[in-house]
Amino acid sequence: MRIEVRRTGGFAGIERRAEVDTSHLPDAPAWQSLAEQALSDASADPADLGVPDGFHYWITIDSRTIHCTDHHLTDSQRTLISRVLKEGA
């Protein structure tokens, strides 16, 4: 499974991007479970504009992409974003 996170916005407006390929990781099942939960938690509201100077996230898992903003992140999305940005750096 390939997981990519792209973060934009924030006070400085700096984009950050990271990617993790879980296919050879020993904890791949945990990554897959977390990714599936993050996708299922995705908001159906495409009008979520976030807040001024807040972050916007695009999470792509294989070929499916969701958009999230800081103030509407679920626990699974926040955890997945943090892990990908840390592991994929």
Protein backbone atom coordinates (compact mmCIF):
# COMPACT_ATOMS: atom_id res chain seq x y z
CA MET A 1 0.00 0.00 0.00
CA ARG A 2 1.30 3.45 -0.91
CA ILE A 3 0.27 6.32 1.36
CA GLU A 4 1.08 9.92 0.51
CA VAL A 5 0.34 13.01 2.59
CA ARG A 6 0.54 16.54 1.27
CA ARG A 7 0.14 19.40 3.74
CA THR A 8 -0.37 23.00 2.67
CA GLY A 9 -1.27 26.23 4.41
CA GLY A 10 -0.30 27.32 7.85
CA PHE A 11 1.08 30.72 8.77
CA ALA A 12 4.13 30.38 6.49
CA GLY A 13 2.28 28.63 3.67
CA ILE A 14 5.01 26.03 3.21
CA GLU A 15 4.03 22.77 1.51
CA ARG A 16 5.22 19.51 2.97
CA ARG A 17 4.91 16.11 1.33
CA ALA A 18 5.85 12.59 2.38
CA GLU A 19 5.15 9.07 1.18
CA VAL A 20 5.34 5.62 2.72
CA ASP A 21 5.19 2.29 0.92
CA THR A 22 3.97 -0.21 3.49
CA SER A 23 4.44 -3.33 1.37
CA HIS A 24 7.75 -4.29 3.04
CA LEU A 25 7.11 -2.97 6.54
CA PRO A 26 6.72 -5.46 9.40
CA ASP A 27 3.72 -3.51 10.72
CA ALA A 28 1.96 -3.27 7.32
CA PRO A 29 -1.35 -4.64 8.69
CA ALA A 30 -1.45 -1.84 11.29
CA TRP A 31 -0.77 0.77 8.58
CA GLN A 32 -3.53 -0.73 6.41
CA SER A 33 -6.04 -0.68 9.24
CA LEU A 34 -5.20 2.92 10.11
CA ALA A 35 -5.39 3.98 6.45
CA GLU A 36 -8.77 2.30 5.96
CA GLN A 37 -10.13 4.03 9.07
CA ALA A 38 -8.82 7.41 7.90
CA LEU A 39 -10.55 6.94 4.54
CA SER A 40 -13.82 5.87 6.10
CA ASP A 41 -13.73 8.93 8.38
CA ALA A 42 -13.45 11.29 5.39
CA SER A 43 -15.95 14.12 5.41
CA ALA A 44 -18.43 14.21 2.58
CA ASP A 45 -18.43 18.03 2.75
CA PRO A 46 -16.25 19.32 -0.11
CA ALA A 47 -16.86 22.89 1.09
CA ASP A 48 -14.64 22.48 4.18
CA LEU A 49 -12.42 25.52 3.71
CA GLY A 50 -10.72 25.28 7.07
CA VAL A 51 -9.67 28.31 9.07
CA PRO A 52 -7.27 31.14 8.20
CA ASP A 53 -3.65 29.97 8.54
CA GLY A 54 -4.83 26.40 9.17
CA PHE A 55 -3.42 23.36 7.44
CA HIS A 56 -5.03 21.47 4.58
CA TYR A 57 -4.16 17.83 4.01
CA TRP A 58 -4.51 15.61 0.98
CA ILE A 59 -4.18 11.95 1.89
CA THR A 60 -3.73 9.56 -1.02
CA ILE A 61 -3.96 5.87 -0.32
CA ASP A 62 -3.16 3.90 -3.45
CA SER A 63 -5.45 5.70 -5.91
CA ARG A 64 -8.00 7.30 -3.56
CA THR A 65 -7.47 10.86 -2.30
CA ILE A 66 -9.31 12.67 0.48
CA HIS A 67 -9.03 16.28 1.65
CA CYS A 68 -9.04 17.25 5.34
CA THR A 69 -8.50 20.42 7.33
CA ASP A 70 -6.98 20.82 10.78
CA HIS A 71 -10.16 21.54 12.64
CA HIS A 72 -12.04 18.52 11.22
CA LEU A 73 -9.37 15.82 11.49
CA THR A 74 -10.42 12.59 13.14
CA ASP A 75 -8.05 10.74 15.46
CA SER A 76 -7.23 8.18 12.76
CA GLN A 77 -6.51 10.87 10.17
CA ARG A 78 -4.32 12.83 12.60
CA THR A 79 -2.39 9.69 13.54
CA LEU A 80 -1.92 8.62 9.90
CA ILE A 81 -0.76 12.11 8.87
CA SER A 82 1.74 12.25 11.73
CA ARG A 83 3.14 8.80 10.98
CA VAL A 84 3.51 9.41 7.26
CA LEU A 85 5.13 12.82 7.71
CA LYS A 86 7.54 11.26 10.24
CA GLU A 87 8.29 7.94 8.47
CA GLY A 88 8.29 9.30 4.94
CA ALA A 89 10.56 12.25 5.60
